[in-house]
Amino acid sequence: MTRASDDGAVASAVRLPGDVDGEFQVYVNGVLQEQDRDYEIDDRTLLFARLLMTDRVSRWRWALGAWGVGTYRQDDTVDIVYELDGVSQLAHALPIIRRDA
């Protein structure tokens, strides 16, 4: 894996859903990710060298948005596509675990 940081630290992690068994595809913000280049797998956890973040909109920012004033921050989503009993499944916007050094 090509690490984003010099010390090889893991910045973010995402746990696989319990019913994922076998092959799966990982998407970050709709872009297909490649194992060993974009992420690694440790047990049932995806490890990312880059920092992934989910934006939480406060009431203040929501009120500004209602008046047409936009505020933009990093808001990543991690999706997993897999098969369960022959049917394609999508696990959307999985929780991102931030790994602080």
Protein backbone atom coordinates (compact mmCIF):
# COMPACT_ATOMS: atom_id res chain seq x y z
CA MET A 1 0.00 0.00 0.00
CA THR A 2 1.27 3.43 -0.84
CA ARG A 3 0.98 5.29 2.43
CA ALA A 4 0.00 8.93 2.51
CA SER A 5 2.17 9.57 5.53
CA ASP A 6 5.88 8.92 5.94
CA ASP A 7 5.50 6.87 9.12
CA GLY A 8 2.92 4.48 7.60
CA ALA A 9 0.23 5.44 10.10
CA VAL A 10 -3.38 4.50 9.52
CA ALA A 11 -5.53 7.63 9.47
CA SER A 12 -9.00 6.09 9.02
CA ALA A 13 -10.69 2.74 9.34
CA VAL A 14 -14.04 1.26 8.32
CA ARG A 15 -15.47 -2.03 9.60
CA LEU A 16 -17.01 -4.40 7.08
CA PRO A 17 -20.68 -5.24 7.62
CA GLY A 18 -21.23 -8.64 9.21
CA ASP A 19 -22.85 -10.22 6.17
CA VAL A 20 -19.95 -9.41 3.81
CA ASP A 21 -18.35 -12.75 3.02
CA GLY A 22 -16.17 -13.16 -0.05
CA GLU A 23 -15.38 -10.59 -2.70
CA PHE A 24 -16.52 -7.00 -2.42
CA GLN A 25 -15.84 -3.58 -3.92
CA VAL A 26 -14.96 -0.47 -1.94
CA TYR A 27 -15.99 3.02 -3.05
CA VAL A 28 -14.95 6.31 -1.44
CA ASN A 29 -17.10 9.20 -2.60
CA GLY A 30 -18.30 7.06 -5.49
CA VAL A 31 -14.78 6.23 -6.74
CA LEU A 32 -13.74 2.57 -6.86
CA GLN A 33 -10.79 1.88 -4.56
CA GLU A 34 -8.05 -0.69 -5.13
CA GLN A 35 -6.86 -2.99 -2.35
CA ASP A 36 -3.17 -2.55 -1.41
CA ARG A 37 -3.07 0.80 -3.23
CA ASP A 38 -5.91 2.72 -1.57
CA TYR A 39 -6.59 0.55 1.47
CA GLU A 40 -5.51 -2.57 3.32
CA ILE A 41 -7.60 -5.17 5.12
CA ASP A 42 -6.90 -6.22 8.70
CA ASP A 43 -9.33 -8.93 9.83
CA ARG A 44 -12.70 -7.31 8.94
CA THR A 45 -11.51 -3.71 8.96
CA LEU A 46 -10.52 -1.56 6.00
CA LEU A 47 -7.50 0.62 6.78
CA PHE A 48 -6.90 3.88 4.90
CA ALA A 49 -3.68 5.91 5.10
CA ARG A 50 -5.56 9.09 4.25
CA LEU A 51 -7.88 10.90 6.60
CA LEU A 52 -11.54 10.34 5.79
CA MET A 53 -14.07 12.57 7.51
CA THR A 54 -17.83 12.81 7.80
CA ASP A 55 -19.27 16.31 8.12
CA ARG A 56 -21.90 16.95 10.74
CA VAL A 57 -24.11 19.91 9.97
CA SER A 58 -24.81 22.02 13.03
CA ARG A 59 -28.07 23.89 13.49
CA TRP A 60 -26.25 27.14 12.73
CA ARG A 61 -24.89 25.81 9.42
CA TRP A 62 -28.29 24.31 8.57
CA ALA A 63 -29.95 27.68 9.19
CA LEU A 64 -27.38 29.41 6.96
CA GLY A 65 -28.09 26.83 4.25
CA ALA A 66 -31.81 27.48 4.52
CA TRP A 67 -31.05 31.12 3.63
CA GLY A 68 -28.92 30.06 0.67
CA VAL A 69 -25.53 30.54 2.29
CA GLY A 70 -23.39 27.49 1.60
CA THR A 71 -20.68 26.14 3.84
CA TYR A 72 -18.57 23.30 2.52
CA ARG A 73 -16.36 20.87 4.39
CA GLN A 74 -14.89 17.47 3.72
CA ASP A 75 -17.68 14.88 3.78
CA ASP A 76 -16.50 11.43 2.72
CA THR A 77 -18.68 8.37 2.26
CA VAL A 78 -17.47 4.77 2.14
CA ASP A 79 -19.71 2.26 0.37
CA ILE A 80 -19.27 -1.50 0.00
CA VAL A 81 -20.84 -3.49 -2.85
CA TYR A 82 -21.06 -7.25 -2.31
CA GLU A 83 -23.27 -10.25 -3.04
CA LEU A 84 -25.47 -12.06 -0.53
CA ASP A 85 -27.23 -15.20 -1.70
CA GLY A 86 -26.64 -14.17 -5.32
CA VAL A 87 -28.18 -10.72 -4.87
CA SER A 88 -26.09 -7.56 -5.14
CA GLN A 89 -26.08 -5.55 -1.90
CA LEU A 90 -24.93 -2.02 -1.06
CA ALA A 91 -23.74 -0.95 2.38
CA HIS A 92 -23.91 2.86 2.08
CA ALA A 93 -22.11 5.51 4.15
CA LEU A 94 -20.44 3.15 6.60
CA PRO A 95 -19.17 4.75 9.82
CA ILE A 96 -15.62 6.09 9.54
CA ILE A 97 -13.32 5.55 12.48
CA ARG A 98 -10.65 8.21 12.81
CA ARG A 99 -7.30 6.95 14.02
CA ASP A 100 -5.47 9.81 15.73
CA ALA A 101 -1.73 9.42 16.11
